[in-house]
């Protein structure tokens, strides 16, 4: 339905109004014309000027066209107004045009035909002006929006620049700390090697040189016993150094078992009883995250020992929100006021303090929360991403659900009782050796070949090669080192026991039994022997395992 053209006609001459209306109706269809011929009518229509255009005479009994024009435009500034009069002058026309009149037409029969065109032109001009105003308004709004976007971008750039500068400062600070810590560790390592390990090895060599050419059996045995004691002490010193600087249990078994190991070390060396609870599923898959958390817990436990006065501490590893690992260290010691933590932030021992822990966590997308109250205790929570972020190597610890150390079985008791074990069945035993150290493989082969029924059918330099060789030669026993490249001994054992259930695997490592035995047995190993124990332990473990298997068959 077409919307009618709405016009307001102001003229106090009825005859002129009729002529004007006739001309307009001939031109416009549909059309609605409101007539005003008195002051009261004019005041009434001024309340609501819902018209498309206004036509007004100049000479009115109650007013004049200029006053009418100004009154209308004061209420609606963009209303099209055409003055249609026979009593105006050029001066009036000029004044009206200055005041906002759209057009001026002389009321003459010859000019009546101009009125519809003037109305159309005035309405169109106002429409164009309105659209132009809207366009300018939209443009102004867009300019304002663009200005706000630019300001927002500038703020974001400034904020990111600030963060980047802070990170750069953090990295420089941490790099300096790392350099100083590395230098301290080098000096400590050199001193330990010189003061302990080198002295023991030199002492063993000197005692070896004192062996007489024609030895008395008792004297010869005494010197050999002394040399063996020196070598045993050397192995212990070497192991302590390894555990101190890079505990293999962290890389071989994962963060949870490594925390348990730290707890045992704190109890045995410093008298701090540490309770460790961990959820296997909460362990990070990024190796550097696990290392950072391990170092942080170790540092925090040293802080507990040195500053809190507590004799007990609790460490828990659990899942947090947003795929995070949450590691908590809690003590019930003397505590401190938040803000005074610098007094307990000691890095003189080569570690890194609370501030450094916080910064290192932030660099990998984590954070640290600290709660402490005097005479109540301290709780430190470390939050770290469980999954690796950009630039982080990932690994999956080869550990199954296992807490503590299994009770000694018939086979494991062999390690504490090095007496010789005799086989019930003396048929040949085929053995595969898996160790990444050439000297160790040669020594093991030499040891085992002293037993007539032991046949060394192969040697593997890593876990992957051990799996492949075992598939080919089908040994009775695999002597499996734990720490090997490619595939470690735990995973290799798990693979082989899945494929060859009857295969006997004897775990062999420099790790103490408390560190790795549970993980190795959980993977399927029959027994676990430490390399620094009496040589008879390995041969006895093999014999006991084979006897047990053959008696079952």
Protein backbone atom coordinates (compact mmCIF):
# COMPACT_ATOMS: atom_id res chain seq x y z
CA UNK A 1 0.00 0.00 0.00
CA UNK A 2 1.38 3.40 -1.07
CA UNK A 3 1.94 5.89 1.75
CA UNK A 4 0.07 9.15 1.00
CA UNK A 5 1.90 12.45 0.72
CA UNK A 6 1.02 14.56 3.78
CA UNK A 7 0.91 18.33 3.22
CA UNK A 8 0.02 21.25 5.50
CA UNK A 9 -1.68 24.15 3.64
CA UNK A 10 -1.77 27.49 5.53
CA UNK A 11 -3.98 30.09 3.80
CA UNK A 12 -6.92 32.15 5.10
CA UNK A 13 -8.44 32.56 1.61
CA UNK A 14 -10.88 29.68 0.98
CA UNK A 15 -10.92 30.21 -2.77
CA UNK A 16 -7.10 30.13 -3.03
CA UNK A 17 -7.02 26.98 -0.89
CA UNK A 18 -9.48 25.21 -3.18
CA UNK A 19 -7.44 26.10 -6.28
CA UNK A 20 -4.24 24.97 -4.62
CA UNK A 21 -5.77 21.68 -3.46
CA UNK A 22 -7.11 20.97 -6.95
CA UNK A 23 -3.66 21.46 -8.48
CA UNK A 24 -2.01 19.25 -5.84
CA UNK A 25 -4.55 16.44 -6.16
CA UNK A 26 -4.08 16.41 -9.92
CA UNK A 27 -0.34 15.87 -9.42
CA UNK A 28 -0.06 13.69 -6.27
CA UNK A 29 -1.97 10.48 -5.56
CA UNK A 30 -2.55 9.51 -2.82
CA UNK A 31 -2.35 12.73 -0.82
CA UNK A 32 -3.52 14.00 2.57
CA UNK A 33 -3.89 17.79 2.91
CA UNK A 34 -4.46 19.48 6.27
CA UNK A 35 -5.91 23.01 5.93
CA UNK A 36 -5.15 25.85 8.37
CA UNK A 37 -7.03 29.15 8.07
CA UNK A 38 -6.88 30.52 11.62
CA UNK A 39 -4.45 31.11 14.43
CA UNK A 40 -6.06 28.48 16.66
CA UNK A 41 -5.76 25.85 13.94
CA UNK A 42 -2.13 26.84 13.40
CA UNK A 43 -1.31 26.50 17.10
CA UNK A 44 -2.98 23.10 17.14
CA UNK A 45 -0.94 21.68 14.25
CA UNK A 46 2.27 23.05 15.74
CA UNK A 47 1.98 20.45 18.51
CA UNK A 48 2.60 17.62 16.04
CA UNK A 49 4.20 18.51 12.71
CA UNK A 50 3.77 15.09 11.05
CA UNK A 51 3.92 16.42 7.50
CA UNK A 52 6.13 15.88 4.50
CA UNK A 53 5.99 19.58 3.52
CA UNK A 54 4.28 22.89 4.35
CA UNK A 55 2.72 25.42 1.93
CA UNK A 56 2.05 28.86 3.41
CA UNK A 57 0.73 32.22 2.20
CA UNK A 58 2.53 35.36 3.27
CA UNK A 59 -0.36 37.71 3.95
CA UNK A 60 -2.48 36.21 6.74
CA UNK A 61 -5.11 37.98 8.84
CA UNK A 62 -3.55 36.76 12.11
CA UNK A 63 0.14 36.64 11.11
CA UNK A 64 2.59 36.71 8.21
CA UNK A 65 4.43 34.00 6.29
CA UNK A 66 7.87 34.84 7.73
CA UNK A 67 6.65 34.37 11.30
CA UNK A 68 4.92 31.12 10.33
CA UNK A 69 8.14 29.90 8.65
CA UNK A 70 10.27 30.68 11.68
CA UNK A 71 7.75 29.11 14.07
CA UNK A 72 7.69 25.87 12.09
CA UNK A 73 11.47 25.66 11.63
CA UNK A 74 12.04 26.34 15.32
CA UNK A 75 10.16 23.10 16.00
CA UNK A 76 11.38 21.05 13.05
CA UNK A 77 14.44 22.52 11.42
CA UNK A 78 14.46 20.30 8.32
CA UNK A 79 10.76 20.69 7.40
CA UNK A 80 10.37 21.68 3.70
CA UNK A 81 8.40 24.98 3.54
CA UNK A 82 7.21 26.59 0.27
CA UNK A 83 5.80 30.13 0.34
CA UNK A 84 2.93 30.48 -2.19
CA UNK A 85 1.75 34.08 -2.11
CA UNK A 86 0.55 36.96 -4.23
CA UNK A 87 1.40 39.72 -1.75
CA UNK A 88 5.11 39.28 -1.24
CA UNK A 89 8.09 41.27 -2.48
CA UNK A 90 11.65 40.50 -3.49
CA UNK A 91 12.83 41.69 -0.09
CA UNK A 92 10.40 39.33 1.66
CA UNK A 93 11.50 36.50 -0.63
CA UNK A 94 15.17 37.16 0.15
CA UNK A 95 14.51 37.34 3.89
CA UNK A 96 12.48 34.11 3.79
CA UNK A 97 15.18 32.25 1.87
CA UNK A 98 17.74 33.36 4.45
CA UNK A 99 15.46 32.04 7.20
CA UNK A 100 15.33 28.54 5.66
CA UNK A 101 12.52 28.74 3.09
CA UNK A 102 12.70 25.91 0.53
CA UNK A 103 11.09 27.84 -2.38
CA UNK A 104 9.08 30.98 -3.17
CA UNK A 105 6.28 30.98 -5.78
CA UNK A 106 4.09 33.90 -6.77
CA UNK A 107 0.41 33.05 -6.42
CA UNK A 108 -0.59 33.54 -10.03
CA UNK A 109 -2.63 31.28 -12.31
CA UNK A 110 0.39 30.96 -14.57
CA UNK A 111 2.56 29.75 -11.67
CA UNK A 112 0.15 27.24 -10.13
CA UNK A 113 1.71 24.49 -12.20
CA UNK A 114 5.09 25.22 -10.55
CA UNK A 115 3.80 24.37 -7.11
CA UNK A 116 3.90 20.51 -7.39
CA UNK A 117 7.42 20.64 -8.85
CA UNK A 118 8.56 22.95 -6.05
CA UNK A 119 7.05 20.59 -3.45
CA UNK A 120 8.80 17.58 -5.01
CA UNK A 121 12.13 19.41 -5.21
CA UNK A 122 11.89 20.62 -1.60
CA UNK A 123 11.02 17.14 -0.28
CA UNK A 124 13.80 15.53 -2.33
CA UNK A 125 16.33 18.10 -1.15
CA UNK A 126 15.42 17.53 2.48
CA UNK A 127 15.59 13.75 1.94
CA UNK A 128 19.07 14.09 0.43
CA UNK A 129 20.15 16.36 3.27
CA UNK A 130 18.80 13.90 5.83
CA UNK A 131 20.64 10.99 4.19
CA UNK A 132 23.77 13.08 4.00
CA UNK A 133 23.43 13.90 7.70
CA UNK A 134 22.94 10.22 8.52
CA UNK A 135 25.95 9.34 6.40
CA UNK A 136 28.05 11.95 8.14
CA UNK A 137 26.80 10.70 11.50
CA UNK A 138 27.66 7.12 10.58
CA UNK A 139 31.05 8.27 9.37
CA UNK A 140 31.59 10.15 12.61
CA UNK A 141 30.56 7.07 14.61
CA UNK A 142 32.90 4.91 12.55
CA UNK A 143 35.68 7.43 13.07
CA UNK A 144 35.04 7.29 16.81
CA UNK A 145 34.96 3.50 16.74
CA UNK A 146 38.19 3.45 14.75
CA UNK A 147 39.74 5.88 17.22
CA UNK A 148 38.73 3.64 20.12
CA UNK A 149 40.11 0.58 18.31
CA UNK A 150 43.38 2.40 17.67
CA UNK A 151 43.57 3.44 21.32
CA UNK A 152 42.83 -0.15 22.37
CA UNK A 153 45.51 -1.48 20.02
CA UNK A 154 47.99 1.08 21.31
CA UNK A 155 47.20 0.02 24.89
CA UNK A 156 47.58 -3.66 23.95
CA UNK A 157 50.85 -2.98 22.15
CA UNK A 158 52.09 -0.98 25.13
CA UNK A 159 51.03 -3.74 27.54
CA UNK A 160 52.63 -6.47 25.45
CA UNK A 161 55.76 -4.37 25.07
CA UNK A 162 55.83 -3.97 28.86
CA UNK A 163 55.36 -7.74 29.34
CA UNK A 164 58.06 -8.47 26.75
CA UNK A 165 60.45 -6.10 28.51
CA UNK A 166 59.64 -7.70 31.87
CA UNK A 167 60.21 -11.15 30.38
CA UNK A 168 63.50 -9.98 28.88
CA UNK A 169 64.54 -8.65 32.29
CA UNK A 170 63.47 -11.93 33.90
CA UNK A 171 65.44 -13.92 31.35
CA UNK A 172 68.54 -11.79 31.89
CA UNK A 173 68.21 -12.19 35.66
CA UNK A 174 67.64 -15.94 35.40
CA UNK A 175 70.48 -16.31 32.91
CA UNK A 176 72.80 -14.60 35.38
CA UNK A 177 71.53 -16.79 38.21
CA UNK A 178 71.95 -19.89 36.05
CA UNK A 179 75.51 -18.95 35.12
CA UNK A 180 76.44 -18.35 38.76
CA UNK A 181 74.70 -21.55 39.88
CA UNK A 182 76.45 -23.58 37.17
CA UNK A 183 79.81 -22.18 38.20
CA UNK A 184 79.13 -22.99 41.86
CA UNK A 185 78.11 -26.53 40.90
CA UNK A 186 81.24 -26.98 38.75
CA UNK A 187 83.43 -25.93 41.67
CA UNK A 188 81.56 -28.19 44.08
CA UNK A 189 81.76 -31.11 41.66
CA UNK A 190 85.48 -30.56 41.08
CA UNK A 191 86.08 -30.37 44.82
CA UNK A 192 84.05 -33.53 45.48
CA UNK A 193 85.89 -35.41 42.73
CA UNK A 194 89.25 -34.25 44.05
CA UNK A 195 88.59 -34.69 47.75
CA UNK A 196 86.67 -37.96 47.59
CA UNK A 197 86.53 -40.01 44.41
CA UNK A 198 90.03 -39.31 43.09
CA UNK A 199 91.59 -39.99 46.49
CA UNK A 200 89.80 -43.33 46.76
CA UNK A 201 90.80 -44.42 43.24
CA UNK A 202 94.41 -43.35 43.73
CA UNK A 203 94.46 -45.19 47.04
CA UNK A 204 93.17 -48.36 45.34
CA UNK A 205 95.81 -48.05 42.61
CA UNK A 206 98.59 -47.57 45.18
CA UNK A 207 97.43 -50.61 47.14
CA UNK A 208 97.30 -52.58 43.88
CA UNK A 209 100.94 -51.60 43.25
CA UNK A 210 101.88 -52.93 46.68
CA UNK A 211 100.84 -56.47 45.80
CA UNK A 212 103.98 -58.61 46.25
CA UNK A 213 105.37 -60.57 43.31
CA UNK A 214 105.35 -63.72 45.39
CA UNK A 215 102.39 -63.00 47.63
CA UNK A 216 101.56 -64.65 50.85
CA UNK A 217 97.96 -65.83 50.49
CA UNK A 218 96.86 -64.10 53.67
CA UNK A 219 98.66 -60.86 52.80
CA UNK A 220 97.38 -61.03 49.22
CA UNK A 221 93.80 -61.54 50.43
CA UNK A 222 94.05 -58.68 52.91
CA UNK A 223 95.27 -56.24 50.25
CA UNK A 224 92.54 -57.35 47.81
CA UNK A 225 89.94 -56.88 50.52
CA UNK A 226 91.24 -53.36 51.13
CA UNK A 227 91.20 -52.59 47.40
CA UNK A 228 87.65 -53.93 47.13
CA UNK A 229 86.63 -51.71 50.05
CA UNK A 230 88.16 -48.64 48.36
CA UNK A 231 86.39 -49.45 45.09
CA UNK A 232 83.11 -49.99 46.93
CA UNK A 233 83.50 -46.59 48.59
CA UNK A 234 84.29 -45.06 45.18
CA UNK A 235 81.06 -46.49 43.75
CA UNK A 236 79.08 -45.03 46.65
CA UNK A 237 80.66 -41.59 46.18
CA UNK A 238 80.00 -41.76 42.43
CA UNK A 239 76.38 -42.75 43.00
CA UNK A 240 75.88 -39.96 45.53
CA UNK A 241 77.22 -37.46 42.99
CA UNK A 242 74.89 -38.80 40.30
CA UNK A 243 71.87 -38.61 42.58
CA UNK A 244 72.80 -35.17 43.80
CA UNK A 245 73.25 -33.54 40.42
CA UNK A 246 70.74 -35.44 38.28
CA UNK A 247 68.69 -38.14 40.02
CA UNK A 248 68.05 -40.91 37.45
CA UNK A 249 64.80 -41.85 39.20
CA UNK A 250 63.26 -38.59 37.95
CA UNK A 251 63.90 -39.48 34.31
CA UNK A 252 63.35 -43.23 34.59
CA UNK A 253 60.30 -43.36 36.87
CA UNK A 254 58.79 -39.88 36.80
CA UNK A 255 58.15 -37.01 39.16
CA UNK A 256 56.11 -38.93 41.76
CA UNK A 257 58.76 -41.55 42.57
CA UNK A 258 61.43 -38.82 42.45
CA UNK A 259 59.53 -36.90 45.14
CA UNK A 260 59.41 -40.04 47.27
CA UNK A 261 63.17 -40.41 46.83
CA UNK A 262 63.72 -36.79 47.92
CA UNK A 263 61.55 -37.47 50.96
CA UNK A 264 63.65 -40.48 51.93
CA UNK A 265 66.86 -38.49 51.44
CA UNK A 266 65.61 -35.64 53.65
CA UNK A 267 64.68 -38.15 56.36
CA UNK A 268 67.91 -40.15 56.27
CA UNK A 269 70.34 -37.24 55.94
CA UNK A 270 68.63 -34.36 57.76
CA UNK A 271 66.00 -35.93 60.03
CA UNK A 272 63.09 -34.21 58.24
CA UNK A 273 60.25 -36.72 57.89
CA UNK A 274 58.48 -36.07 54.59
CA UNK A 275 55.12 -37.62 53.66
CA UNK A 276 54.62 -37.80 49.90
CA UNK A 277 51.25 -38.37 48.19
CA UNK A 278 50.97 -38.27 44.43
CA UNK A 279 48.51 -39.07 41.67
CA UNK A 280 50.20 -40.69 38.66
CA UNK A 281 47.80 -38.92 36.30
CA UNK A 282 48.94 -35.53 37.65
CA UNK A 283 52.54 -35.92 36.50
CA UNK A 284 53.55 -33.40 33.78
CA UNK A 285 54.42 -34.77 30.35
CA UNK A 286 57.02 -32.04 29.73
CA UNK A 287 60.42 -33.12 31.01
CA UNK A 288 61.59 -29.60 31.83
CA UNK A 289 58.41 -29.00 33.85
CA UNK A 290 59.08 -32.12 35.92
CA UNK A 291 62.70 -31.06 36.45
CA UNK A 292 61.63 -27.57 37.53
CA UNK A 293 59.04 -28.92 39.99
CA UNK A 294 61.52 -31.46 41.35
CA UNK A 295 64.17 -28.77 41.92
CA UNK A 296 61.57 -26.45 43.46
CA UNK A 297 60.36 -29.09 45.94
CA UNK A 298 63.94 -29.95 46.87
CA UNK A 299 64.66 -26.25 47.50
CA UNK A 300 61.44 -25.81 49.50
CA UNK A 301 62.23 -28.82 51.68
CA UNK A 302 65.69 -27.41 52.38
CA UNK A 303 63.97 -24.16 53.40
CA UNK A 304 61.72 -26.15 55.75
CA UNK A 305 64.77 -27.84 57.29
CA UNK A 306 66.80 -24.65 57.66
CA UNK A 307 64.18 -22.07 58.62
CA UNK A 308 60.88 -23.54 59.83
CA UNK A 309 62.02 -25.60 62.81
CA UNK A 310 59.56 -28.31 61.73
CA UNK A 311 60.48 -31.99 61.88
CA UNK A 312 57.75 -33.05 59.46
CA UNK A 313 56.59 -31.86 56.05
CA UNK A 314 54.00 -33.02 53.53
CA UNK A 315 54.33 -33.02 49.74
CA UNK A 316 51.35 -33.71 47.46
CA UNK A 317 51.07 -33.90 43.67
CA UNK A 318 47.54 -33.69 42.25
CA UNK A 319 45.48 -32.54 39.29
CA UNK A 320 44.30 -28.95 39.20
CA UNK A 321 41.89 -27.01 37.03
CA UNK A 322 42.56 -26.22 33.35
CA UNK A 323 44.79 -29.28 32.83
CA UNK A 324 47.30 -28.14 35.45
CA UNK A 325 49.58 -29.99 37.84
CA UNK A 326 49.43 -28.74 41.43
CA UNK A 327 52.36 -29.51 43.73
CA UNK A 328 51.99 -28.53 47.39
CA UNK A 329 54.66 -28.37 50.11
CA UNK A 330 53.28 -27.86 53.61
CA UNK A 331 54.89 -27.66 57.06
CA UNK A 332 53.67 -26.80 60.55
CA UNK A 333 56.78 -24.87 61.56
CA UNK A 334 57.28 -21.36 62.84
CA UNK A 335 56.02 -19.66 59.65
CA UNK A 336 56.52 -15.99 58.81
CA UNK A 337 54.65 -12.85 57.79
CA UNK A 338 54.00 -12.59 54.06
CA UNK A 339 56.47 -10.00 52.80
CA UNK A 340 59.28 -11.33 55.00
CA UNK A 341 59.95 -14.32 52.77
CA UNK A 342 63.26 -12.78 51.64
CA UNK A 343 64.60 -13.80 55.05
CA UNK A 344 64.06 -17.45 54.12
CA UNK A 345 64.95 -17.07 50.44
CA UNK A 346 68.42 -18.55 50.64
CA UNK A 347 70.24 -19.44 47.42
CA UNK A 348 73.73 -19.66 48.84
CA UNK A 349 73.68 -23.42 48.60
CA UNK A 350 73.48 -23.40 44.83
CA UNK A 351 69.71 -23.74 44.59
CA UNK A 352 67.15 -21.12 43.71
CA UNK A 353 64.84 -19.32 46.13
CA UNK A 354 61.15 -18.45 46.26
CA UNK A 355 61.45 -15.47 43.93
CA UNK A 356 63.30 -17.50 41.32
CA UNK A 357 60.81 -20.38 41.64
CA UNK A 358 57.96 -17.94 41.00
CA UNK A 359 59.70 -16.44 37.95
CA UNK A 360 60.59 -19.81 36.44
CA UNK A 361 57.03 -21.04 36.84
CA UNK A 362 55.68 -17.89 35.17
CA UNK A 363 57.97 -18.45 32.19
CA UNK A 364 56.31 -21.83 31.49
CA UNK A 365 52.77 -20.54 32.11
CA UNK A 366 52.51 -21.48 35.80
CA UNK A 367 52.37 -19.64 39.09
CA UNK A 368 53.20 -19.95 42.78
CA UNK A 369 50.90 -19.32 45.77
CA UNK A 370 52.34 -18.74 49.23
CA UNK A 371 50.49 -18.95 52.55
CA UNK A 372 52.22 -18.53 55.90
CA UNK A 373 51.39 -17.48 59.42
CA UNK A 374 53.74 -17.14 62.37
CA UNK A 375 53.66 -20.18 64.69
CA UNK A 376 51.22 -21.96 62.35
CA UNK A 377 53.28 -22.98 59.35
CA UNK A 378 53.78 -22.42 55.65
CA UNK A 379 52.07 -23.79 52.55
CA UNK A 380 53.52 -23.30 49.06
CA UNK A 381 51.48 -24.34 46.00
CA UNK A 382 53.12 -24.63 42.62
CA UNK A 383 50.87 -24.62 39.54
CA UNK A 384 52.31 -25.77 36.21
CA UNK A 385 50.81 -26.84 32.84
CA UNK A 386 50.51 -30.61 32.64
CA UNK A 387 50.87 -30.73 28.86
CA UNK A 388 54.04 -29.43 27.16
CA UNK A 389 53.96 -25.84 25.87
CA UNK A 390 55.95 -24.56 22.91
CA UNK A 391 59.59 -25.54 23.07
CA UNK A 392 59.17 -28.12 25.81
CA UNK A 393 60.27 -31.70 25.23
CA UNK A 394 57.74 -34.26 26.37
CA UNK A 395 58.11 -37.67 27.83
CA UNK A 396 55.87 -40.22 29.48
CA UNK A 397 57.24 -41.74 32.69
CA UNK A 398 57.23 -45.51 32.54
CA UNK A 399 55.66 -46.05 35.92
CA UNK A 400 52.59 -48.02 36.86
CA UNK A 401 50.52 -47.68 40.03
CA UNK A 402 52.98 -48.70 42.72
CA UNK A 403 53.65 -47.25 46.16
CA UNK A 404 56.49 -48.25 48.41
CA UNK A 405 58.67 -51.30 48.05
CA UNK A 406 57.30 -54.86 47.72
CA UNK A 407 58.06 -57.28 50.52
CA UNK A 408 61.13 -59.44 49.94
CA UNK A 409 60.39 -62.65 48.03
CA UNK A 410 62.53 -65.75 47.77
CA UNK A 411 64.32 -64.21 44.78
CA UNK A 412 64.85 -60.74 46.23
CA UNK A 413 66.29 -62.15 49.44
CA UNK A 414 69.23 -63.39 47.40
CA UNK A 415 70.67 -59.90 47.36
CA UNK A 416 71.07 -59.77 51.09
CA UNK A 417 72.41 -63.34 51.25
CA UNK A 418 75.25 -63.66 48.72
CA UNK A 419 75.91 -67.34 49.37
CA UNK A 420 76.15 -69.52 46.28
CA UNK A 421 72.89 -71.03 45.03
CA UNK A 422 72.90 -74.44 43.31
CA UNK A 423 70.59 -75.22 40.42
CA UNK A 424 68.23 -78.15 40.74
CA UNK A 425 68.20 -78.46 36.95
CA UNK A 426 71.71 -78.05 35.48
CA UNK A 427 70.70 -77.75 31.82
CA UNK A 428 72.07 -74.77 29.88
CA UNK A 429 70.69 -71.26 30.58
CA UNK A 430 70.70 -68.86 27.60
CA UNK A 431 71.30 -65.27 28.71
CA UNK A 432 70.96 -61.94 26.85
CA UNK A 433 72.82 -58.93 28.30
CA UNK A 434 71.36 -55.42 27.84
CA UNK A 435 73.53 -52.50 28.97
CA UNK A 436 74.65 -49.36 27.15
CA UNK A 437 78.15 -49.41 28.71
CA UNK A 438 80.68 -51.57 26.84
CA UNK A 439 82.90 -52.10 29.89
CA UNK A 440 79.92 -53.15 32.00
CA UNK A 441 78.73 -55.62 29.35
CA UNK A 442 82.22 -57.14 29.15
CA UNK A 443 82.45 -57.36 32.94
CA UNK A 444 79.02 -58.98 33.21
CA UNK A 445 79.86 -61.46 30.46
CA UNK A 446 83.13 -62.35 32.19
CA UNK A 447 81.33 -62.83 35.50
CA UNK A 448 78.52 -64.99 34.13
CA UNK A 449 80.74 -67.11 31.87
CA UNK A 450 82.44 -68.41 35.00
CA UNK A 451 79.29 -70.49 35.45
CA UNK A 452 79.56 -73.47 33.05
CA UNK A 453 75.81 -73.64 32.39
CA UNK A 454 75.46 -69.93 31.54
CA UNK A 455 75.58 -69.22 27.80
CA UNK A 456 75.74 -65.55 26.69
CA UNK A 457 73.70 -65.59 23.45
CA UNK A 458 73.70 -61.83 22.75
CA UNK A 459 74.52 -58.32 23.91
CA UNK A 460 72.31 -55.24 23.38
CA UNK A 461 73.35 -51.61 23.77
CA UNK A 462 69.88 -50.19 24.46
CA UNK A 463 66.32 -51.25 25.23
CA UNK A 464 65.19 -51.21 21.61
CA UNK A 465 68.01 -53.53 20.54
CA UNK A 466 67.30 -55.77 23.55
CA UNK A 467 63.70 -56.25 22.40
CA UNK A 468 64.77 -57.03 18.82
CA UNK A 469 67.51 -59.49 19.90
CA UNK A 470 65.23 -61.25 22.36
CA UNK A 471 62.70 -61.81 19.59
CA UNK A 472 65.43 -63.38 17.45
CA UNK A 473 67.47 -65.51 19.87
CA UNK A 474 64.71 -66.33 22.41
CA UNK A 475 66.91 -66.38 25.57
CA UNK A 476 65.85 -67.87 28.89
CA UNK A 477 66.98 -64.79 30.81
CA UNK A 478 67.53 -61.12 29.97
CA UNK A 479 69.79 -59.15 32.32
CA UNK A 480 68.30 -55.67 31.78
CA UNK A 481 69.92 -52.37 32.72
CA UNK A 482 67.36 -49.64 33.47
CA UNK A 483 68.97 -46.41 32.26
CA UNK A 484 69.53 -46.89 28.51
CA UNK A 485 68.98 -44.71 25.42
CA UNK A 486 66.21 -45.18 22.83
CA UNK A 487 64.02 -47.36 25.08
CA UNK A 488 64.79 -47.68 28.79
CA UNK A 489 64.89 -50.99 30.65
CA UNK A 490 61.46 -50.57 32.24
CA UNK A 491 59.67 -50.09 28.93
CA UNK A 492 61.74 -52.81 27.22
CA UNK A 493 60.76 -55.22 30.02
CA UNK A 494 57.11 -54.31 29.64
CA UNK A 495 57.26 -54.96 25.89
CA UNK A 496 59.09 -58.29 26.20
CA UNK A 497 56.87 -59.64 28.97
CA UNK A 498 53.85 -58.77 26.85
CA UNK A 499 55.24 -60.77 23.91
CA UNK A 500 57.20 -63.50 25.77
CA UNK A 501 55.48 -64.20 29.10
CA UNK A 502 57.85 -67.09 29.95
CA UNK A 503 60.92 -64.87 29.62
CA UNK A 504 62.82 -64.12 32.85
CA UNK A 505 64.00 -60.52 33.20
CA UNK A 506 66.49 -59.56 35.91
CA UNK A 507 66.67 -55.81 36.45
CA UNK A 508 70.18 -54.43 36.92
CA UNK A 509 71.07 -50.85 37.79
CA UNK A 510 73.19 -48.45 39.79
CA UNK A 511 69.94 -47.26 41.43
CA UNK A 512 69.37 -48.35 44.98
CA UNK A 513 66.56 -50.86 45.36
CA UNK A 514 64.20 -48.39 47.01
CA UNK A 515 64.39 -46.14 43.95
CA UNK A 516 63.59 -48.41 41.01
CA UNK A 517 62.70 -51.92 42.19
CA UNK A 518 58.94 -51.28 42.37
CA UNK A 519 58.79 -49.88 38.84
CA UNK A 520 60.89 -52.70 37.40
CA UNK A 521 58.85 -55.43 39.10
CA UNK A 522 55.62 -53.74 38.02
CA UNK A 523 56.85 -53.91 34.42
CA UNK A 524 57.26 -57.69 34.74
CA UNK A 525 60.82 -58.27 35.97
CA UNK A 526 61.40 -61.31 38.16
CA UNK A 527 64.07 -59.71 40.33
CA UNK A 528 66.14 -56.55 40.73
CA UNK A 529 69.89 -56.42 41.51
CA UNK A 530 72.12 -53.41 42.10
CA UNK A 531 75.40 -53.27 40.21
CA UNK A 532 77.48 -52.38 43.24
CA UNK A 533 76.41 -55.41 45.26
CA UNK A 534 78.41 -58.65 45.60
CA UNK A 535 78.87 -60.36 42.21
CA UNK A 536 77.18 -63.49 43.57
CA UNK A 537 73.90 -61.57 43.84
CA UNK A 538 73.40 -61.57 40.07
CA UNK A 539 74.29 -65.22 39.51
CA UNK A 540 72.15 -66.29 42.47
CA UNK A 541 69.20 -64.19 41.23
CA UNK A 542 69.42 -65.87 37.81
CA UNK A 543 69.62 -69.36 39.31
CA UNK A 544 66.73 -68.78 41.72
CA UNK A 545 64.53 -67.34 38.99
CA UNK A 546 65.29 -70.19 36.56
CA UNK A 547 64.76 -72.85 39.26
CA UNK A 548 61.44 -71.26 40.16
CA UNK A 549 60.30 -71.16 36.54
CA UNK A 550 61.38 -74.74 35.78
CA UNK A 551 59.74 -76.09 38.93
CA UNK A 552 56.47 -74.48 37.82
CA UNK A 553 56.74 -76.14 34.42
